[in-house]
PDB file of all heavy atoms in Angstrom:
ATOM      1  N   VAL A   1     -26.235   0.971  -1.256  1.00  0.00           N
ATOM      2  CA  VAL A   1     -26.189  -0.479  -1.097  1.00  0.00           C
ATOM      3  C   VAL A   1     -26.842  -0.894   0.218  1.00  0.00           C
ATOM      4  O   VAL A   1     -26.624  -0.275   1.253  1.00  0.00           O
ATOM      5  CB  VAL A   1     -24.729  -0.978  -1.125  1.00  0.00           C
ATOM      6  CG1 VAL A   1     -24.672  -2.472  -0.846  1.00  0.00           C
ATOM      7  CG2 VAL A   1     -24.085  -0.662  -2.473  1.00  0.00           C
ATOM      8  N   ASN A   2     -27.619  -1.962   0.165  1.00  0.00           N
ATOM      9  CA  ASN A   2     -28.190  -2.567   1.371  1.00  0.00           C
ATOM     10  C   ASN A   2     -27.223  -3.650   1.858  1.00  0.00           C
ATOM     11  O   ASN A   2     -27.315  -4.808   1.459  1.00  0.00           O
ATOM     12  CB  ASN A   2     -29.564  -3.164   1.067  1.00  0.00           C
ATOM     13  CG  ASN A   2     -30.174  -3.844   2.280  1.00  0.00           C
ATOM     14  OD1 ASN A   2     -29.653  -3.771   3.390  1.00  0.00           O
ATOM     15  ND2 ASN A   2     -31.298  -4.520   2.071  1.00  0.00           N
ATOM     16  N   PHE A   3     -26.274  -3.266   2.709  1.00  0.00           N
ATOM     17  CA  PHE A   3     -25.226  -4.188   3.130  1.00  0.00           C
ATOM     18  C   PHE A   3     -25.766  -5.379   3.907  1.00  0.00           C
ATOM     19  O   PHE A   3     -25.162  -6.448   3.923  1.00  0.00           O
ATOM     20  CB  PHE A   3     -24.194  -3.442   3.980  1.00  0.00           C
ATOM     21  CG  PHE A   3     -23.470  -2.357   3.239  1.00  0.00           C
ATOM     22  CD1 PHE A   3     -23.725  -1.022   3.513  1.00  0.00           C
ATOM     23  CD2 PHE A   3     -22.536  -2.661   2.273  1.00  0.00           C
ATOM     24  CE1 PHE A   3     -23.057  -0.011   2.838  1.00  0.00           C
ATOM     25  CE2 PHE A   3     -21.857  -1.664   1.584  1.00  0.00           C
ATOM     26  CZ  PHE A   3     -22.126  -0.334   1.869  1.00  0.00           C
ATOM     27  N   GLY A   4     -26.902  -5.204   4.562  1.00  0.00           N
ATOM     28  CA  GLY A   4     -27.457  -6.262   5.387  1.00  0.00           C
ATOM     29  C   GLY A   4     -27.903  -7.488   4.618  1.00  0.00           C
ATOM     30  O   GLY A   4     -28.166  -8.533   5.208  1.00  0.00           O
ATOM     31  N   ARG A   5     -27.975  -7.390   3.296  1.00  0.00           N
ATOM     32  CA  ARG A   5     -28.379  -8.527   2.474  1.00  0.00           C
ATOM     33  C   ARG A   5     -27.274  -9.572   2.363  1.00  0.00           C
ATOM     34  O   ARG A   5     -27.517 -10.697   1.914  1.00  0.00           O
ATOM     35  CB  ARG A   5     -28.724  -8.061   1.060  1.00  0.00           C
ATOM     36  CG  ARG A   5     -29.936  -7.167   0.938  1.00  0.00           C
ATOM     37  CD  ARG A   5     -30.031  -6.608  -0.475  1.00  0.00           C
ATOM     38  NE  ARG A   5     -29.819  -7.650  -1.484  1.00  0.00           N
ATOM     39  CZ  ARG A   5     -29.327  -7.437  -2.707  1.00  0.00           C
ATOM     40  NH1 ARG A   5     -28.978  -6.229  -3.068  1.00  0.00           N
ATOM     41  NH2 ARG A   5     -29.193  -8.433  -3.555  1.00  0.00           N
ATOM     42  N   PHE A   6     -26.052  -9.235   2.765  1.00  0.00           N
ATOM     43  CA  PHE A   6     -24.902 -10.084   2.476  1.00  0.00           C
ATOM     44  C   PHE A   6     -24.306 -10.706   3.736  1.00  0.00           C
ATOM     45  O   PHE A   6     -24.275 -10.081   4.794  1.00  0.00           O
ATOM     46  CB  PHE A   6     -23.829  -9.257   1.751  1.00  0.00           C
ATOM     47  CG  PHE A   6     -24.306  -8.652   0.459  1.00  0.00           C
ATOM     48  CD1 PHE A   6     -24.808  -7.355   0.434  1.00  0.00           C
ATOM     49  CD2 PHE A   6     -24.294  -9.387  -0.714  1.00  0.00           C
ATOM     50  CE1 PHE A   6     -25.267  -6.793  -0.749  1.00  0.00           C
ATOM     51  CE2 PHE A   6     -24.754  -8.838  -1.896  1.00  0.00           C
ATOM     52  CZ  PHE A   6     -25.245  -7.542  -1.921  1.00  0.00           C
ATOM     53  N   ASP A   7     -23.808 -11.932   3.579  1.00  0.00           N
ATOM     54  CA  ASP A   7     -23.121 -12.595   4.685  1.00  0.00           C
ATOM     55  C   ASP A   7     -21.797 -11.904   4.986  1.00  0.00           C
ATOM     56  O   ASP A   7     -21.357 -11.856   6.137  1.00  0.00           O
ATOM     57  CB  ASP A   7     -22.827 -14.060   4.334  1.00  0.00           C
ATOM     58  CG  ASP A   7     -24.090 -14.876   4.166  1.00  0.00           C
ATOM     59  OD1 ASP A   7     -25.090 -14.568   4.831  1.00  0.00           O
ATOM     60  OD2 ASP A   7     -24.074 -15.820   3.354  1.00  0.00           O
ATOM     61  N   ALA A   8     -21.142 -11.409   3.933  1.00  0.00           N
ATOM     62  CA  ALA A   8     -19.822 -10.804   4.099  1.00  0.00           C
ATOM     63  C   ALA A   8     -19.655  -9.641   3.133  1.00  0.00           C
ATOM     64  O   ALA A   8     -20.185  -9.656   2.023  1.00  0.00           O
ATOM     65  CB  ALA A   8     -18.727 -11.844   3.855  1.00  0.00           C
ATOM     66  N   VAL A   9     -18.895  -8.642   3.569  1.00  0.00           N
ATOM     67  CA  VAL A   9     -18.524  -7.501   2.739  1.00  0.00           C
ATOM     68  C   VAL A   9     -17.006  -7.429   2.729  1.00  0.00           C
ATOM     69  O   VAL A   9     -16.367  -7.473   3.785  1.00  0.00           O
ATOM     70  CB  VAL A   9     -19.109  -6.179   3.278  1.00  0.00           C
ATOM     71  CG1 VAL A   9     -18.660  -5.002   2.422  1.00  0.00           C
ATOM     72  CG2 VAL A   9     -20.637  -6.250   3.323  1.00  0.00           C
ATOM     73  N   VAL A  10     -16.409  -7.323   1.533  1.00  0.00           N
ATOM     74  CA  VAL A  10     -14.957  -7.278   1.418  1.00  0.00           C
ATOM     75  C   VAL A  10     -14.545  -6.095   0.547  1.00  0.00           C
ATOM     76  O   VAL A  10     -15.330  -5.596  -0.268  1.00  0.00           O
ATOM     77  CB  VAL A  10     -14.394  -8.588   0.810  1.00  0.00           C
ATOM     78  CG1 VAL A  10     -14.794  -9.783   1.656  1.00  0.00           C
ATOM     79  CG2 VAL A  10     -14.862  -8.771  -0.641  1.00  0.00           C
ATOM     80  N   SER A  11     -13.308  -5.660   0.720  1.00  0.00           N
ATOM     81  CA  SER A  11     -12.771  -4.618  -0.155  1.00  0.00           C
ATOM     82  C   SER A  11     -11.261  -4.766  -0.234  1.00  0.00           C
ATOM     83  O   SER A  11     -10.614  -5.237   0.707  1.00  0.00           O
ATOM     84  CB  SER A  11     -13.139  -3.221   0.337  1.00  0.00           C
ATOM     85  OG  SER A  11     -12.349  -2.861   1.448  1.00  0.00           O
ATOM     86  N   SER A  12     -10.716  -4.376  -1.379  1.00  0.00           N
ATOM     87  CA  SER A  12      -9.279  -4.456  -1.611  1.00  0.00           C
ATOM     88  C   SER A  12      -8.787  -3.153  -2.233  1.00  0.00           C
ATOM     89  O   SER A  12      -9.237  -2.768  -3.319  1.00  0.00           O
ATOM     90  CB  SER A  12      -8.971  -5.635  -2.551  1.00  0.00           C
ATOM     91  OG  SER A  12      -7.643  -5.597  -3.000  1.00  0.00           O
ATOM     92  N   LEU A  13      -7.900  -2.474  -1.539  1.00  0.00           N
ATOM     93  CA  LEU A  13      -7.260  -1.247  -2.042  1.00  0.00           C
ATOM     94  C   LEU A  13      -8.285  -0.202  -2.463  1.00  0.00           C
ATOM     95  O   LEU A  13      -8.159   0.431  -3.512  1.00  0.00           O
ATOM     96  CB  LEU A  13      -6.328  -1.582  -3.218  1.00  0.00           C
ATOM     97  CG  LEU A  13      -5.237  -2.608  -2.915  1.00  0.00           C
ATOM     98  CD1 LEU A  13      -4.369  -2.842  -4.138  1.00  0.00           C
ATOM     99  CD2 LEU A  13      -4.387  -2.171  -1.731  1.00  0.00           C
ATOM    100  N   LEU A  14      -9.285  -0.022  -1.628  1.00  0.00           N
ATOM    101  CA  LEU A  14     -10.344   0.944  -1.907  1.00  0.00           C
ATOM    102  C   LEU A  14     -10.312   2.132  -0.952  1.00  0.00           C
ATOM    103  O   LEU A  14     -10.296   3.292  -1.373  1.00  0.00           O
ATOM    104  CB  LEU A  14     -11.715   0.263  -1.821  1.00  0.00           C
ATOM    105  CG  LEU A  14     -12.924   1.207  -1.775  1.00  0.00           C
ATOM    106  CD1 LEU A  14     -13.087   1.907  -3.125  1.00  0.00           C
ATOM    107  CD2 LEU A  14     -14.187   0.456  -1.388  1.00  0.00           C
ATOM    108  N   PHE A  15     -10.332   1.857   0.346  1.00  0.00           N
ATOM    109  CA  PHE A  15     -10.594   2.907   1.323  1.00  0.00           C
ATOM    110  C   PHE A  15      -9.533   4.013   1.317  1.00  0.00           C
ATOM    111  O   PHE A  15      -9.849   5.168   1.597  1.00  0.00           O
ATOM    112  CB  PHE A  15     -10.725   2.320   2.725  1.00  0.00           C
ATOM    113  CG  PHE A  15     -12.020   1.599   2.938  1.00  0.00           C
ATOM    114  CD1 PHE A  15     -12.044   0.250   3.269  1.00  0.00           C
ATOM    115  CD2 PHE A  15     -13.230   2.262   2.802  1.00  0.00           C
ATOM    116  CE1 PHE A  15     -13.251  -0.410   3.468  1.00  0.00           C
ATOM    117  CE2 PHE A  15     -14.437   1.601   2.990  1.00  0.00           C
ATOM    118  CZ  PHE A  15     -14.443   0.265   3.322  1.00  0.00           C
ATOM    119  N   HIS A  16      -8.288   3.685   0.988  1.00  0.00           N
ATOM    120  CA  HIS A  16      -7.251   4.736   1.006  1.00  0.00           C
ATOM    121  C   HIS A  16      -7.472   5.762  -0.099  1.00  0.00           C
ATOM    122  O   HIS A  16      -6.870   6.835  -0.072  1.00  0.00           O
ATOM    123  CB  HIS A  16      -5.854   4.121   0.895  1.00  0.00           C
ATOM    124  CG  HIS A  16      -5.493   3.629  -0.469  1.00  0.00           C
ATOM    125  ND1 HIS A  16      -5.941   2.430  -0.970  1.00  0.00           N
ATOM    126  CD2 HIS A  16      -4.729   4.190  -1.444  1.00  0.00           C
ATOM    127  CE1 HIS A  16      -5.472   2.261  -2.188  1.00  0.00           C
ATOM    128  NE2 HIS A  16      -4.733   3.311  -2.508  1.00  0.00           N
ATOM    129  N   LEU A  17      -8.345   5.452  -1.062  1.00  0.00           N
ATOM    130  CA  LEU A  17      -8.663   6.389  -2.137  1.00  0.00           C
ATOM    131  C   LEU A  17      -9.833   7.301  -1.776  1.00  0.00           C
ATOM    132  O   LEU A  17     -10.128   8.240  -2.513  1.00  0.00           O
ATOM    133  CB  LEU A  17      -9.001   5.622  -3.420  1.00  0.00           C
ATOM    134  CG  LEU A  17      -7.907   4.717  -3.982  1.00  0.00           C
ATOM    135  CD1 LEU A  17      -8.434   3.911  -5.167  1.00  0.00           C
ATOM    136  CD2 LEU A  17      -6.679   5.535  -4.389  1.00  0.00           C
ATOM    137  N   MET A  18     -10.491   7.027  -0.662  1.00  0.00           N
ATOM    138  CA  MET A  18     -11.671   7.774  -0.253  1.00  0.00           C
ATOM    139  C   MET A  18     -11.304   8.827   0.794  1.00  0.00           C
ATOM    140  O   MET A  18     -10.273   8.726   1.451  1.00  0.00           O
ATOM    141  CB  MET A  18     -12.728   6.814   0.309  1.00  0.00           C
ATOM    142  CG  MET A  18     -13.219   5.773  -0.701  1.00  0.00           C
ATOM    143  SD  MET A  18     -14.139   4.396   0.048  1.00  0.00           S
ATOM    144  CE  MET A  18     -15.500   5.246   0.844  1.00  0.00           C
ATOM    145  N   SER A  19     -12.175   9.802   0.957  1.00  0.00           N
ATOM    146  CA  SER A  19     -11.967  10.782   2.021  1.00  0.00           C
ATOM    147  C   SER A  19     -12.246  10.124   3.368  1.00  0.00           C
ATOM    148  O   SER A  19     -12.966   9.124   3.450  1.00  0.00           O
ATOM    149  CB  SER A  19     -12.903  11.975   1.829  1.00  0.00           C
ATOM    150  OG  SER A  19     -14.249  11.605   2.082  1.00  0.00           O
ATOM    151  N   GLU A  20     -11.682  10.692   4.421  1.00  0.00           N
ATOM    152  CA  GLU A  20     -11.911  10.136   5.763  1.00  0.00           C
ATOM    153  C   GLU A  20     -13.399  10.128   6.095  1.00  0.00           C
ATOM    154  O   GLU A  20     -13.910   9.154   6.673  1.00  0.00           O
ATOM    155  CB  GLU A  20     -11.144  10.943   6.808  1.00  0.00           C
ATOM    156  CG  GLU A  20     -11.309  10.411   8.222  1.00  0.00           C
ATOM    157  CD  GLU A  20     -10.419  11.129   9.219  1.00  0.00           C
ATOM    158  OE1 GLU A  20      -9.342  11.612   8.827  1.00  0.00           O
ATOM    159  OE2 GLU A  20     -10.815  11.206  10.401  1.00  0.00           O
ATOM    160  N   LYS A  21     -14.104  11.178   5.716  1.00  0.00           N
ATOM    161  CA  LYS A  21     -15.542  11.259   5.972  1.00  0.00           C
ATOM    162  C   LYS A  21     -16.285  10.107   5.288  1.00  0.00           C
ATOM    163  O   LYS A  21     -17.133   9.448   5.905  1.00  0.00           O
ATOM    164  CB  LYS A  21     -16.081  12.597   5.472  1.00  0.00           C
ATOM    165  CG  LYS A  21     -17.592  12.776   5.612  1.00  0.00           C
ATOM    166  CD  LYS A  21     -18.001  14.171   5.153  1.00  0.00           C
ATOM    167  CE  LYS A  21     -19.512  14.376   5.216  1.00  0.00           C
ATOM    168  NZ  LYS A  21     -20.227  13.544   4.230  1.00  0.00           N
ATOM    169  N   ASP A  22     -15.935   9.828   4.031  1.00  0.00           N
ATOM    170  CA  ASP A  22     -16.607   8.759   3.290  1.00  0.00           C
ATOM    171  C   ASP A  22     -16.239   7.377   3.829  1.00  0.00           C
ATOM    172  O   ASP A  22     -17.073   6.473   3.853  1.00  0.00           O
ATOM    173  CB  ASP A  22     -16.272   8.850   1.806  1.00  0.00           C
ATOM    174  CG  ASP A  22     -16.959  10.021   1.118  1.00  0.00           C
ATOM    175  OD1 ASP A  22     -17.934  10.548   1.686  1.00  0.00           O
ATOM    176  OD2 ASP A  22     -16.517  10.408   0.019  1.00  0.00           O
ATOM    177  N   ILE A  23     -14.985   7.226   4.260  1.00  0.00           N
ATOM    178  CA  ILE A  23     -14.574   5.947   4.849  1.00  0.00           C
ATOM    179  C   ILE A  23     -15.407   5.666   6.097  1.00  0.00           C
ATOM    180  O   ILE A  23     -15.973   4.575   6.269  1.00  0.00           O
ATOM    181  CB  ILE A  23     -13.079   5.960   5.224  1.00  0.00           C
ATOM    182  CG1 ILE A  23     -12.209   6.092   3.983  1.00  0.00           C
ATOM    183  CG2 ILE A  23     -12.711   4.666   5.974  1.00  0.00           C
ATOM    184  CD1 ILE A  23     -10.736   6.319   4.300  1.00  0.00           C
ATOM    185  N   ILE A  24     -15.479   6.651   6.983  1.00  0.00           N
ATOM    186  CA  ILE A  24     -16.207   6.473   8.242  1.00  0.00           C
ATOM    187  C   ILE A  24     -17.679   6.192   7.980  1.00  0.00           C
ATOM    188  O   ILE A  24     -18.265   5.269   8.566  1.00  0.00           O
ATOM    189  CB  ILE A  24     -16.043   7.713   9.138  1.00  0.00           C
ATOM    190  CG1 ILE A  24     -14.577   7.836   9.586  1.00  0.00           C
ATOM    191  CG2 ILE A  24     -16.972   7.644  10.350  1.00  0.00           C
ATOM    192  CD1 ILE A  24     -14.260   9.121  10.315  1.00  0.00           C
ATOM    193  N   GLU A  25     -18.293   6.956   7.087  1.00  0.00           N
ATOM    194  CA  GLU A  25     -19.712   6.772   6.788  1.00  0.00           C
ATOM    195  C   GLU A  25     -19.977   5.387   6.198  1.00  0.00           C
ATOM    196  O   GLU A  25     -20.962   4.727   6.552  1.00  0.00           O
ATOM    197  CB  GLU A  25     -20.197   7.849   5.830  1.00  0.00           C
ATOM    198  CG  GLU A  25     -20.325   9.227   6.477  1.00  0.00           C
ATOM    199  CD  GLU A  25     -20.818  10.290   5.514  1.00  0.00           C
ATOM    200  OE1 GLU A  25     -20.961   9.985   4.299  1.00  0.00           O
ATOM    201  OE2 GLU A  25     -21.066  11.431   5.962  1.00  0.00           O
ATOM    202  N   THR A  26     -19.089   4.932   5.310  1.00  0.00           N
ATOM    203  CA  THR A  26     -19.269   3.618   4.697  1.00  0.00           C
ATOM    204  C   THR A  26     -19.116   2.510   5.719  1.00  0.00           C
ATOM    205  O   THR A  26     -19.938   1.585   5.795  1.00  0.00           O
ATOM    206  CB  THR A  26     -18.265   3.419   3.549  1.00  0.00           C
ATOM    207  OG1 THR A  26     -18.454   4.439   2.563  1.00  0.00           O
ATOM    208  CG2 THR A  26     -18.462   2.058   2.888  1.00  0.00           C
ATOM    209  N   LEU A  27     -18.052   2.584   6.536  1.00  0.00           N
ATOM    210  CA  LEU A  27     -17.846   1.549   7.550  1.00  0.00           C
ATOM    211  C   LEU A  27     -18.985   1.527   8.566  1.00  0.00           C
ATOM    212  O   LEU A  27     -19.467   0.448   8.952  1.00  0.00           O
ATOM    213  CB  LEU A  27     -16.515   1.781   8.263  1.00  0.00           C
ATOM    214  CG  LEU A  27     -15.251   1.474   7.451  1.00  0.00           C
ATOM    215  CD1 LEU A  27     -14.012   1.905   8.221  1.00  0.00           C
ATOM    216  CD2 LEU A  27     -15.171  -0.009   7.103  1.00  0.00           C
ATOM    217  N   GLU A  28     -19.432   2.697   8.991  1.00  0.00           N
ATOM    218  CA  GLU A  28     -20.541   2.753   9.951  1.00  0.00           C
ATOM    219  C   GLU A  28     -21.796   2.112   9.370  1.00  0.00           C
ATOM    220  O   GLU A  28     -22.509   1.380  10.057  1.00  0.00           O
ATOM    221  CB  GLU A  28     -20.821   4.207  10.342  1.00  0.00           C
ATOM    222  CG  GLU A  28     -19.784   4.837  11.256  1.00  0.00           C
ATOM    223  CD  GLU A  28     -19.904   4.363  12.698  1.00  0.00           C
ATOM    224  OE1 GLU A  28     -20.789   3.545  12.999  1.00  0.00           O
ATOM    225  OE2 GLU A  28     -19.095   4.820  13.534  1.00  0.00           O
TER     226      GLU A  28
END
């Protein structure tokens, strides 16, 4: 995903299902 295309990025009940590595990489 090209996150820079969007004014805002939101998520609900997603990150706790991901590995710590994937959470960090996605947020970064």
